[in-house]
Protein backbone atom coordinates (compact mmCIF):
# COMPACT_ATOMS: atom_id res chain seq x y z
CA MET A 1 109.05 188.88 134.88
CA ALA A 2 105.25 188.64 135.04
CA VAL A 3 104.83 189.14 138.69
CA PRO A 4 106.96 191.73 140.36
CA LYS A 5 109.11 190.65 143.30
CA GLU A 6 107.26 192.84 145.85
CA LEU A 7 103.81 191.02 144.76
CA ALA A 8 105.36 187.75 144.50
CA GLN A 9 106.19 187.83 148.30
CA ASP A 10 102.61 188.95 149.12
CA PRO A 11 100.52 185.78 150.13
CA SER A 12 97.30 187.44 148.94
CA VAL A 13 98.96 187.31 145.42
CA ALA A 14 101.16 184.44 145.31
CA GLY A 15 98.45 182.34 147.13
CA PRO A 16 95.90 182.51 144.23
CA LEU A 17 98.35 182.78 141.42
CA GLY A 18 100.35 179.74 142.80
CA THR A 19 97.40 177.39 142.37
CA LEU A 20 97.85 178.06 138.37
CA ALA A 21 100.93 175.57 138.88
CA LEU A 22 98.15 172.95 139.06
CA SER A 23 96.14 174.16 136.06
CA VAL A 24 96.19 171.95 133.00
CA VAL A 25 94.45 174.52 130.71
CA ARG A 26 96.78 177.02 128.86
CA PRO A 27 95.15 180.00 127.40
CA HIS A 28 96.91 181.53 124.28
CA SER A 29 96.13 185.04 125.60
CA SER A 30 96.62 186.65 129.16
CA THR A 31 93.36 188.32 128.71
CA LEU A 32 91.59 185.16 129.23
CA GLY A 33 93.54 184.67 132.35
CA LEU A 34 92.16 188.19 133.29
CA ARG A 35 88.57 186.77 132.82
CA ALA A 36 89.58 183.89 135.23
CA LEU A 37 90.62 186.32 137.97
CA ARG A 38 87.15 188.12 137.60
CA TRP A 39 85.35 184.87 137.81
CA HIS A 40 87.24 183.83 140.96
CA ARG A 41 86.58 187.14 142.69
CA ASP A 42 82.72 186.99 141.82
CA LEU A 43 82.39 183.44 143.07
CA GLU A 44 83.85 184.51 146.40
CA ARG A 45 81.30 187.13 146.38
CA LEU A 46 78.62 184.56 145.98
CA GLY A 47 80.15 182.38 148.77
CA VAL A 48 81.83 179.86 146.51
CA VAL A 49 85.45 179.69 147.52
CA MET A 50 87.63 177.40 145.40
CA PRO A 51 91.36 177.57 144.35
CA LEU A 52 91.90 180.04 141.32
CA GLY A 53 93.51 177.05 139.20
CA ILE A 54 90.35 175.12 139.36
CA VAL A 55 88.10 178.17 138.48
CA HIS A 56 90.62 179.02 135.70
CA ASP A 57 90.41 175.67 134.23
CA LEU A 58 86.82 174.88 134.27
CA GLY A 59 85.79 178.44 133.34
CA LEU A 60 88.04 178.56 130.21
CA LEU A 61 86.54 175.14 129.08
CA LEU A 62 82.99 176.55 129.35
CA ALA A 63 83.78 180.01 127.99
CA SER A 64 86.55 180.00 125.39
CA PRO A 65 86.66 178.57 121.99
CA ASN A 66 88.89 175.66 121.20
CA GLU A 67 91.47 177.68 119.17
CA GLN A 68 92.01 180.00 122.05
CA LEU A 69 93.24 177.40 124.58
CA GLU A 70 94.99 173.90 124.81
CA VAL A 71 94.78 171.26 127.42
CA GLY A 72 98.08 170.42 129.02
CA PRO A 73 99.99 170.95 132.38
CA ARG A 74 101.71 174.38 132.85
CA ALA A 75 104.01 172.98 135.56
CA ASP A 76 105.14 169.70 137.14
CA GLY A 77 102.15 169.36 139.30
CA LYS A 78 102.86 165.82 140.56
CA ASN A 79 106.20 167.03 142.09
CA LEU A 80 104.74 170.19 143.39
CA LEU A 81 101.83 168.25 145.27
CA GLY A 82 104.37 165.75 146.68
CA ARG A 83 106.51 168.51 148.06
CA ALA A 84 103.26 170.22 149.78
CA GLY A 85 102.41 166.82 151.44
CA GLY A 86 99.65 165.87 149.06
CA ASP A 87 99.01 162.93 147.02
CA PRO A 88 100.72 163.27 143.57
CA ASP A 89 98.16 160.91 142.04
CA LEU A 90 95.57 163.70 142.74
CA PHE A 91 97.18 165.54 139.79
CA ASP A 92 96.57 162.83 137.38
CA ALA A 93 92.77 162.33 138.55
CA TYR A 94 92.34 166.17 138.20
CA GLN A 95 93.67 166.18 134.64
CA GLN A 96 91.33 163.33 133.67
CA ILE A 97 88.42 165.40 135.15
CA VAL A 98 89.45 168.39 133.01
CA ALA A 99 89.86 166.24 129.88
CA GLU A 100 86.32 164.66 130.31
CA VAL A 101 84.74 168.15 130.84
CA ALA A 102 86.61 169.52 127.77
CA GLU A 103 85.12 166.49 125.69
CA SER A 104 81.56 166.81 127.05
CA GLU A 105 78.86 168.05 124.60
CA ALA A 106 77.74 170.61 127.13
CA ALA A 107 81.17 172.26 127.19
CA GLN A 108 81.44 172.15 123.59
CA ARG A 109 78.15 173.83 122.97
CA SER A 110 78.60 176.49 125.82
CA ARG A 111 81.93 177.49 124.08
CA SER A 112 80.13 178.38 121.02
CA LEU A 113 77.60 180.66 122.89
CA ARG A 114 80.33 183.20 123.66
CA LEU A 115 79.17 183.55 127.36
CA SER A 116 79.39 186.63 129.32
CA ASP A 117 81.37 186.74 132.57
CA ASP A 118 78.08 186.81 134.75
CA MET A 119 76.91 183.65 132.98
CA VAL A 120 80.35 181.80 133.53
CA VAL A 121 80.37 182.73 137.15
CA VAL A 122 76.77 181.28 137.61
CA LEU A 123 77.69 178.04 135.82
CA LEU A 124 80.73 177.55 137.86
CA ALA A 125 78.69 178.15 141.12
CA ARG A 126 76.46 175.42 139.84
CA LEU A 127 79.38 173.23 139.23
CA LEU A 128 81.61 173.85 142.35
CA GLY A 129 79.13 175.16 144.81
CA SER A 130 78.54 171.69 146.51
CA VAL A 131 82.38 170.97 146.38
CA ALA A 132 83.19 174.08 148.19
CA GLU A 133 80.61 173.38 150.92
CA ARG A 134 82.11 169.99 151.65
CA CYS A 135 85.82 171.42 151.97
CA ALA A 136 86.34 171.97 155.57
CA ALA A 137 89.83 173.41 155.46
CA THR A 138 90.35 177.04 155.63
CA SER A 139 92.58 178.96 153.19
CA ALA A 140 95.90 180.49 154.55
CA TYR A 141 95.45 183.57 152.33
CA VAL A 142 93.14 185.86 151.05
CA ASN A 143 92.45 186.78 147.50
CA GLY A 144 94.31 190.18 146.66
CA VAL A 145 95.33 189.70 142.95
CA PRO A 146 94.82 192.85 141.12
CA LEU A 147 92.98 192.77 137.90
CA ASP A 148 95.98 193.17 135.63
CA ALA A 149 96.51 190.91 132.64
CA SER A 150 100.28 191.66 132.62
CA LEU A 151 100.72 189.55 135.78
CA LEU A 152 99.69 186.45 133.82
CA GLU A 153 101.80 187.18 130.67
CA GLY A 154 104.60 184.44 130.66
CA ILE A 155 103.94 183.41 134.14
CA GLU A 156 104.79 179.78 133.86
CA PRO A 157 108.48 179.90 134.95
CA GLN A 158 107.33 181.69 138.18
CA LEU A 159 104.69 179.13 138.97
CA PRO A 160 106.67 176.57 141.17
CA ALA A 161 108.10 179.54 143.25
CA LEU A 162 104.55 181.13 143.66
CA PHE A 163 103.11 177.62 144.63
CA ALA A 164 105.76 177.37 147.41
CA GLY A 165 105.02 180.89 148.52
CA ALA A 166 101.91 179.98 150.66
CA ARG A 167 100.55 177.16 152.58
CA ARG A 168 98.54 174.80 150.59
CA ASN A 169 96.39 172.87 152.99
CA TYR A 170 93.27 174.36 151.62
CA ASP A 171 94.04 173.93 147.95
CA LEU A 172 95.03 170.37 148.53
CA ALA A 173 91.69 169.62 150.40
CA ALA A 174 89.73 171.38 147.71
CA LEU A 175 91.53 169.33 144.80
CA SER A 176 90.79 166.17 146.79
CA GLU A 177 87.18 167.03 147.25
CA LEU A 178 86.83 167.74 143.55
CA VAL A 179 88.37 164.46 142.66
CA SER A 180 86.16 162.53 145.11
CA ALA A 181 83.20 164.19 143.60
CA ARG A 182 84.07 163.58 139.95
CA LEU A 183 80.83 161.74 138.93
CA TYR A 184 78.76 164.34 140.53
CA VAL A 185 80.66 167.38 138.81
CA LEU A 186 80.40 165.61 135.38
CA THR A 187 76.81 164.77 135.85
CA LEU A 188 76.28 168.50 136.56
CA VAL A 189 78.20 169.36 133.29
CA ASP A 190 75.91 167.24 131.18
CA ALA A 191 72.85 168.63 132.92
CA LEU A 192 73.66 172.33 132.35
CA ASP A 193 70.60 174.17 131.02
CA LEU A 194 72.21 175.60 127.79
CA ASP A 195 68.83 176.53 126.36
CA THR A 196 68.63 179.21 128.98
CA LEU A 197 72.04 180.50 127.96
CA GLN A 198 71.14 180.40 124.27
CA LEU A 199 68.10 182.62 125.21
CA PHE A 200 70.42 185.06 126.91
CA GLY A 201 72.48 185.15 123.76
CA MET A 202 69.33 185.93 121.51
CA VAL A 203 67.79 188.58 123.56
CA GLY A 204 70.80 189.78 125.84
CA GLY A 205 71.02 189.93 129.49
CA ASN A 206 71.41 192.96 131.56
CA ALA A 207 75.21 192.83 132.64
CA ALA A 208 75.02 196.21 134.29
CA GLN A 209 73.51 194.90 137.48
CA GLY A 210 76.62 192.89 138.13
CA ALA A 211 76.23 190.57 141.26
CA LEU A 212 72.40 191.07 141.30
CA ALA A 213 72.11 189.70 137.70
CA GLN A 214 74.32 186.81 138.92
CA VAL A 215 71.88 185.95 141.75
CA ASP A 216 68.96 186.40 139.30
CA LEU A 217 70.62 183.97 136.87
CA LEU A 218 71.25 181.56 139.52
CA GLY A 219 67.64 181.58 140.44
CA ALA A 220 66.48 181.14 136.69
CA LEU A 221 68.83 178.14 136.32
CA GLY A 222 67.44 176.59 139.43
CA ALA A 223 63.81 177.10 138.85
CA PRO A 224 62.03 174.23 137.26
CA GLU A 225 59.32 176.40 135.63
CA ALA A 226 61.89 178.43 133.96
CA ASN A 227 62.65 175.58 131.40
CA ASP A 228 59.24 175.87 129.90
CA ILE A 229 59.52 179.59 129.60
CA VAL A 230 62.79 179.17 127.84
CA ASP A 231 61.74 176.46 125.46
CA PHE A 232 58.47 178.75 124.49
CA SER A 233 60.75 181.73 124.03
CA LEU A 234 63.06 180.12 121.91
CA GLU A 235 60.07 178.64 119.80
CA ILE A 236 58.61 182.12 119.02
CA LEU A 237 61.75 184.45 119.06
CA PRO A 238 63.03 183.74 115.59
CA SER A 239 60.09 185.56 113.91
CA VAL A 240 60.66 188.39 116.40
CA LEU A 241 64.46 188.83 115.54
CA GLU A 242 63.40 189.61 111.96
CA THR A 243 62.01 193.06 113.20
CA LYS A 244 64.22 196.07 112.06
CA THR A 245 64.20 199.72 112.86
CA ARG A 246 62.50 201.64 109.93
CA PRO A 247 64.82 204.11 108.11
CA GLY A 248 64.56 207.55 109.57
CA ALA A 249 65.15 209.94 106.50
CA SER A 250 64.87 210.23 102.92
CA SER A 251 67.11 212.25 100.78
CA TYR A 252 66.08 214.43 97.57
CA SER A 253 68.67 214.83 94.81
CA ALA A 254 66.61 217.38 93.18
CA PHE A 255 67.27 221.17 93.62
CA GLY A 256 65.52 223.03 96.50
CA TYR A 257 64.28 221.96 100.05
CA ALA A 258 62.13 219.10 101.05
CA GLY A 259 60.40 220.86 103.80
CA LEU A 260 60.70 222.34 107.36
CA ALA A 261 62.47 220.42 110.25
CA ARG A 262 63.32 221.16 113.77
CA LYS A 263 67.06 220.47 113.29
CA GLY A 264 69.57 222.01 110.89
CA SER A 265 72.44 224.28 110.33
CA VAL A 266 72.43 228.06 110.80
CA ASP A 267 72.52 228.79 106.89
CA SER A 268 69.15 226.80 106.71
CA LEU A 269 67.44 228.79 109.42
CA VAL A 270 63.91 230.20 108.29
CA LEU A 271 64.50 234.01 108.25
CA THR A 272 61.38 234.74 109.97
CA GLU A 273 62.91 233.13 113.18
CA LEU A 274 65.34 236.13 113.36
CA ALA A 275 62.26 238.34 114.06
CA TRP A 276 62.13 237.02 117.70
CA ASP A 277 64.16 238.95 120.49
CA GLU A 278 67.24 237.35 121.69
CA VAL A 279 65.99 235.79 124.71
CA GLU A 280 62.92 234.40 123.04
CA LEU A 281 65.06 232.94 120.09
CA MET A 282 67.47 231.33 122.63
CA ARG A 283 64.65 229.59 124.39
CA ARG A 284 63.14 228.41 121.03
CA MET A 285 66.36 227.05 120.03
CA SER A 286 66.84 225.33 123.47
CA ASP A 287 63.45 223.85 123.24
CA ASP A 288 63.77 222.62 119.58
CA GLU A 289 61.20 225.08 118.35
CA VAL A 290 63.18 226.80 115.65
CA LEU A 291 62.46 226.02 112.07
CA TYR A 292 65.10 225.01 109.45
CA TYR A 293 64.83 224.40 105.72
CA ALA A 294 65.72 220.82 105.23
CA ARG A 295 66.81 218.80 102.39
CA GLU A 296 66.11 215.71 104.13
CA GLN A 297 62.77 214.74 105.39
CA ALA A 298 62.34 212.51 108.53
CA ARG A 299 59.45 211.34 110.64
CA ASP A 300 60.06 213.07 113.91
CA GLU A 301 58.27 210.11 115.70
CA ALA A 302 56.94 210.70 119.17
CA ARG A 303 59.11 208.98 121.76
CA ARG A 304 57.22 206.20 123.76
CA ILE A 305 58.10 204.21 126.71
CA HIS A 306 56.40 200.84 126.82
CA HIS A 307 55.38 199.35 130.36
CA VAL A 308 55.26 195.55 130.11
CA LEU A 309 53.26 194.51 133.26
CA ILE A 310 53.03 190.63 134.07
CA ASP A 311 50.77 189.20 136.44
CA ALA A 312 52.69 186.99 139.06
CA SER A 313 49.67 186.11 141.19
CA ALA A 314 48.69 182.57 142.27
CA SER A 315 46.17 182.56 139.48
CA MET A 316 49.14 182.48 136.76
CA ARG A 317 50.79 179.36 137.79
CA GLY A 318 51.68 176.69 135.29
CA GLU A 319 50.83 177.20 131.48
CA ARG A 320 49.73 180.80 132.06
CA THR A 321 52.98 181.93 133.49
CA THR A 322 54.78 180.19 130.62
CA PHE A 323 52.69 181.92 127.98
CA ALA A 324 52.70 185.34 129.84
CA ARG A 325 56.52 185.47 130.38
CA GLY A 326 57.39 184.07 127.13
CA MET A 327 55.21 186.41 125.43
CA ALA A 328 56.54 189.45 127.60
CA ILE A 329 60.04 188.54 126.54
CA ALA A 330 59.08 188.37 122.81
CA VAL A 331 56.95 191.63 122.81
CA ALA A 332 59.68 193.37 124.79
CA LYS A 333 62.44 192.24 122.17
CA LYS A 334 60.17 193.21 119.43
CA LEU A 335 59.89 196.72 120.60
CA LEU A 336 63.53 197.16 121.44
CA LEU A 337 64.42 196.12 117.95
CA SER A 338 62.07 198.82 116.62
CA GLY A 339 63.87 201.49 118.81
CA GLU A 340 61.44 201.55 121.48
CA ASP A 341 62.08 202.04 125.29
CA VAL A 342 60.85 199.29 127.48
CA VAL A 343 60.17 198.76 131.19
CA VAL A 344 59.15 195.39 132.75
CA ARG A 345 57.29 195.17 135.90
CA PHE A 346 55.68 192.33 137.85
CA PHE A 347 52.71 192.56 140.19
CA ASP A 348 50.51 190.28 142.46
CA SER A 349 48.81 192.15 145.40
CA ARG A 350 51.48 194.98 144.87
CA LEU A 351 53.38 196.53 142.02
CA TYR A 352 57.10 195.62 142.12
CA GLU A 353 59.79 197.89 141.08
CA PRO A 354 60.68 198.59 137.33
CA HIS A 355 63.36 197.03 135.44
CA ALA A 356 64.38 198.86 132.46
CA ALA A 357 66.07 197.22 129.41
CA ARG A 358 69.38 198.89 129.22
CA GLY A 359 71.60 198.88 125.98
CA GLY A 360 69.02 196.95 123.97
CA GLN A 361 69.23 194.14 126.63
CA LEU A 362 66.30 192.61 128.67
CA PRO A 363 66.68 191.66 132.25
CA ILE A 364 66.00 188.00 131.27
CA ALA A 365 67.23 186.53 134.48
CA TYR A 366 64.76 188.46 136.50
CA LEU A 367 61.95 187.64 134.09
CA LEU A 368 62.80 183.96 134.44
CA SER A 369 63.37 183.83 138.30
CA PHE A 370 60.84 186.29 139.83
CA ARG A 371 58.27 184.62 142.06
CA GLY A 372 55.16 186.49 143.39
CA GLU A 373 53.93 185.53 146.89
CA HIS A 374 51.70 188.25 148.15
CA GLY A 375 48.14 187.12 146.84
CA ARG A 376 46.28 189.42 144.55
CA ASN A 377 44.87 193.00 144.84
CA PRO A 378 44.21 194.52 141.33
CA THR A 379 42.58 197.77 142.73
CA ARG A 380 45.77 198.69 144.72
CA VAL A 381 48.21 197.70 141.99
CA PHE A 382 46.50 199.79 139.22
CA SER A 383 45.85 202.66 141.58
CA ASP A 384 49.62 202.65 142.45
CA PHE A 385 50.29 202.35 138.52
CA ALA A 386 48.02 205.43 137.91
CA ARG A 387 50.08 207.39 140.30
CA THR A 388 53.13 206.41 138.82
CA LEU A 389 51.94 207.49 135.36
CA ASP A 390 50.83 210.93 136.96
CA LEU A 391 54.40 211.45 138.34
CA SER A 392 56.13 210.33 134.93
CA VAL A 393 53.87 212.77 132.85
CA ALA A 394 55.50 215.75 134.43
CA ARG A 395 58.95 214.58 134.30
CA ASP A 396 59.10 212.41 131.25
CA PRO A 397 58.22 213.48 127.78
CA ARG A 398 57.71 210.13 126.51
CA GLU A 399 54.25 208.76 125.60
CA PRO A 400 53.40 205.79 128.08
CA VAL A 401 52.14 202.53 126.34
CA VAL A 402 51.07 199.63 128.61
CA HIS A 403 51.28 195.90 127.65
CA LEU A 404 49.31 193.75 130.19
CA PHE A 405 49.79 189.94 130.65
CA THR A 406 47.25 188.48 132.95
CA HIS A 407 44.30 185.94 133.47
CA ALA A 408 40.52 186.51 132.40
CA ALA A 409 39.53 187.10 136.03
CA LEU A 410 41.75 190.28 136.72
CA TYR A 411 38.83 192.40 138.04
CA ILE A 412 39.99 196.20 138.18
CA PRO A 413 37.30 198.79 138.94
CA ARG A 414 36.20 200.43 135.76
CA ASP A 415 37.05 203.83 137.13
CA VAL A 416 40.51 202.78 138.15
CA MET A 417 41.20 201.38 134.53
CA ALA A 418 39.66 204.55 133.17
CA VAL A 419 42.30 206.64 135.05
CA VAL A 420 45.03 204.50 133.57
CA THR A 421 43.68 204.52 129.97
CA ARG A 422 43.49 208.45 130.11
CA ARG A 423 47.22 208.51 130.67
CA ALA A 424 48.36 205.70 128.67
CA ARG A 425 47.45 203.30 125.85
CA VAL A 426 46.64 200.07 127.26
CA SER A 427 46.64 196.57 125.54
CA ALA A 428 46.16 193.39 127.22
CA VAL A 429 46.57 189.52 126.65
CA PHE A 430 44.15 187.53 128.63
CA MET A 431 44.62 183.83 129.47
CA MET A 432 41.13 181.92 129.83
CA PRO A 433 40.52 179.26 132.66
CA SER A 434 39.05 175.88 131.40
CA GLY A 435 35.59 177.32 131.45
CA GLY A 436 33.63 180.62 131.31
CA GLY A 437 34.33 183.76 129.19
CA LEU A 438 35.74 187.20 129.33
CA THR A 439 33.19 189.27 131.36
CA LEU A 440 35.42 192.26 132.48
CA ASP A 441 33.40 195.57 132.32
CA TYR A 442 36.70 197.69 131.39
CA ILE A 443 37.39 195.90 128.06
CA ASP A 444 36.07 198.80 126.06
CA LEU A 445 38.44 201.11 127.47
CA LEU A 446 41.33 199.12 126.29
CA ASP A 447 43.08 199.99 123.01
CA ALA A 448 43.42 196.48 122.02
CA HIS A 449 43.01 193.05 123.64
CA TRP A 450 43.63 189.31 122.94
CA VAL A 451 42.08 186.26 124.49
CA VAL A 452 43.92 183.01 124.67
CA SER A 453 41.77 179.92 125.16
CA HIS A 454 42.66 177.28 127.81
CA ASP A 455 42.85 174.66 124.91
CA ALA A 456 45.50 176.85 123.15
CA LEU A 457 47.47 176.98 126.15
CA GLY A 458 47.58 173.15 126.70
CA SER A 459 48.75 172.51 123.08
CA HIS A 460 52.28 173.56 121.97
CA THR A 461 51.34 173.99 118.47
CA LYS A 462 48.30 176.04 119.22
CA ARG A 463 50.09 178.12 121.79
CA ALA A 464 52.84 178.98 119.31
CA ALA A 465 50.41 180.06 116.69
CA GLU A 466 48.47 182.30 119.06
CA ALA A 467 51.74 183.83 120.13
CA ARG A 468 52.81 184.68 116.56
CA ARG A 469 49.38 186.10 115.80
CA ILE A 470 49.68 188.42 118.76
CA LEU A 471 53.11 189.41 117.82
CA VAL A 472 52.02 190.35 114.32
CA ASP A 473 48.99 192.51 115.69
CA VAL A 474 51.60 194.20 118.20
CA GLY A 475 53.70 195.23 115.04
CA LYS A 476 50.76 196.50 113.21
CA LYS A 477 49.82 198.59 116.10
CA ARG A 478 53.09 200.28 116.16
CA GLU A 479 52.97 200.86 112.42
CA GLU A 480 49.50 202.59 112.92
CA VAL A 481 51.43 205.07 115.28
CA THR A 482 54.18 205.75 113.00
CA THR A 483 52.05 206.35 109.85
CA GLU A 484 49.49 208.77 111.42
CA ALA A 485 48.26 212.08 109.84
CA PRO A 486 51.04 214.85 109.15
CA ARG A 487 52.10 217.13 111.84
CA GLY A 488 50.82 220.70 112.29
CA ALA A 489 52.42 223.85 110.77
CA HIS A 490 54.97 224.20 113.58
CA GLY A 491 56.00 220.51 113.60
CA SER A 492 54.28 219.74 116.84
CA ALA A 493 52.77 216.28 117.09
CA PRO A 494 49.01 216.35 117.14
CA ASP A 495 46.68 213.97 118.85
CA SER A 496 46.48 211.84 115.85
CA THR A 497 49.89 210.23 116.76
CA ARG A 498 47.94 208.23 119.32
CA TRP A 499 46.68 204.88 118.56
CA HIS A 500 42.97 204.69 117.65
CA SER A 501 40.85 202.71 120.22
CA ALA A 502 39.26 199.69 118.51
CA PRO A 503 37.18 196.99 119.82
CA ALA A 504 38.56 193.54 119.30
CA SER A 505 37.71 192.14 116.05
CA GLY A 506 36.75 188.44 115.44
CA GLY A 507 40.55 187.65 114.86
CA ARG A 508 41.11 188.47 118.44
CA ARG A 509 39.64 185.67 120.43
């Protein structure tokens, strides 16, 4: 018995599970049904309350490959609807809707994208949100189904009894509303923004944020300007995804040692280290200052944290926003693939909270959905950022690097920018207006900068070419860091590991 007797008598369990009697999608694994339980729970958190059976069917059609499920009734739905006082023809109409969704191009494409649970929840919220709002009936039970796949293993014989174990007024009303909104739902299915989902698949989405990520993704799918950002990102990302982390060590087959290293085994310890007293030796070992003979030689690269700052003020509307956010996504992904740490921040008249890339995944939903509505105050923003850098220097050993994406009229006092550049390397991408030139007095303080003309922003071909050129230059900059002069006698990183400040060449317009 899939559902124990004590749980089958609980309305909070029998109520949701009983709606699977109306389901017409049969998964081949109970773990797929477990995903449906999660979708149902998360939809309720977003305020979209629908029967589990409907969420189960539509969710699996969007998320599961064809070979993992089959379309067909799991119980005699017409008979059960008639006993519950509903119209038996609703079951045939619902079955027809599910068949049409399964055959739609959008559903077939989404099944190939291997969507995460957060993405499926957001898609279901888009499809079923209006239907749930129109349903005036109130459910006679609350959802209390444990997230246990064993409850769904071989549950079909119990479905009629579970369906009869709770009042079904709400379930019948929701099914009736869905059938009435058939054309509306099918139109929404065909209009799903699968390019955004493809972007999530390419660069990852930060699933650790849970419900917050779902809210951001809902905002991204509903933002008209996000479509242009997604299209631009998909255009330039293929070249970025070719980036690979450089090998870290090389082995020597000849006899002897290759050099000195900060890590090693006790038998390769440099004997002069034993001259230190016990306390000092323990300190040196804990601080990785002890020297070992090494047969492998690796670049002990200084760790860096890259701050991607994106201007979200009113001056960045339209094509500038598309280019800035698309470039920020591409640069951040390129750095992640190179093994770097990345933090993304927006600013307008204030500096917003940082969003770190976790597990190699960018907060794409946040990048697409963020809107700045607080004017513009560069002095305040970069003064606050300088204080943030001051605090991080004392707590974080990683070297800060700043990537700024803004317009050509970002007037920051030179003394404020000087404070920032003393604490971090700063490179900037400036987007020009229709007329005028770059007249900012702090340009010479930047490690590098690029200027994108108004004409380039208005042309898809030129815009993509400018983006690829900048990405190549960013990669070269990182190579300069990792191929600097050798380290000192004790293995410490000298100042030569910093990027050399260079004026913009003719190639940087």
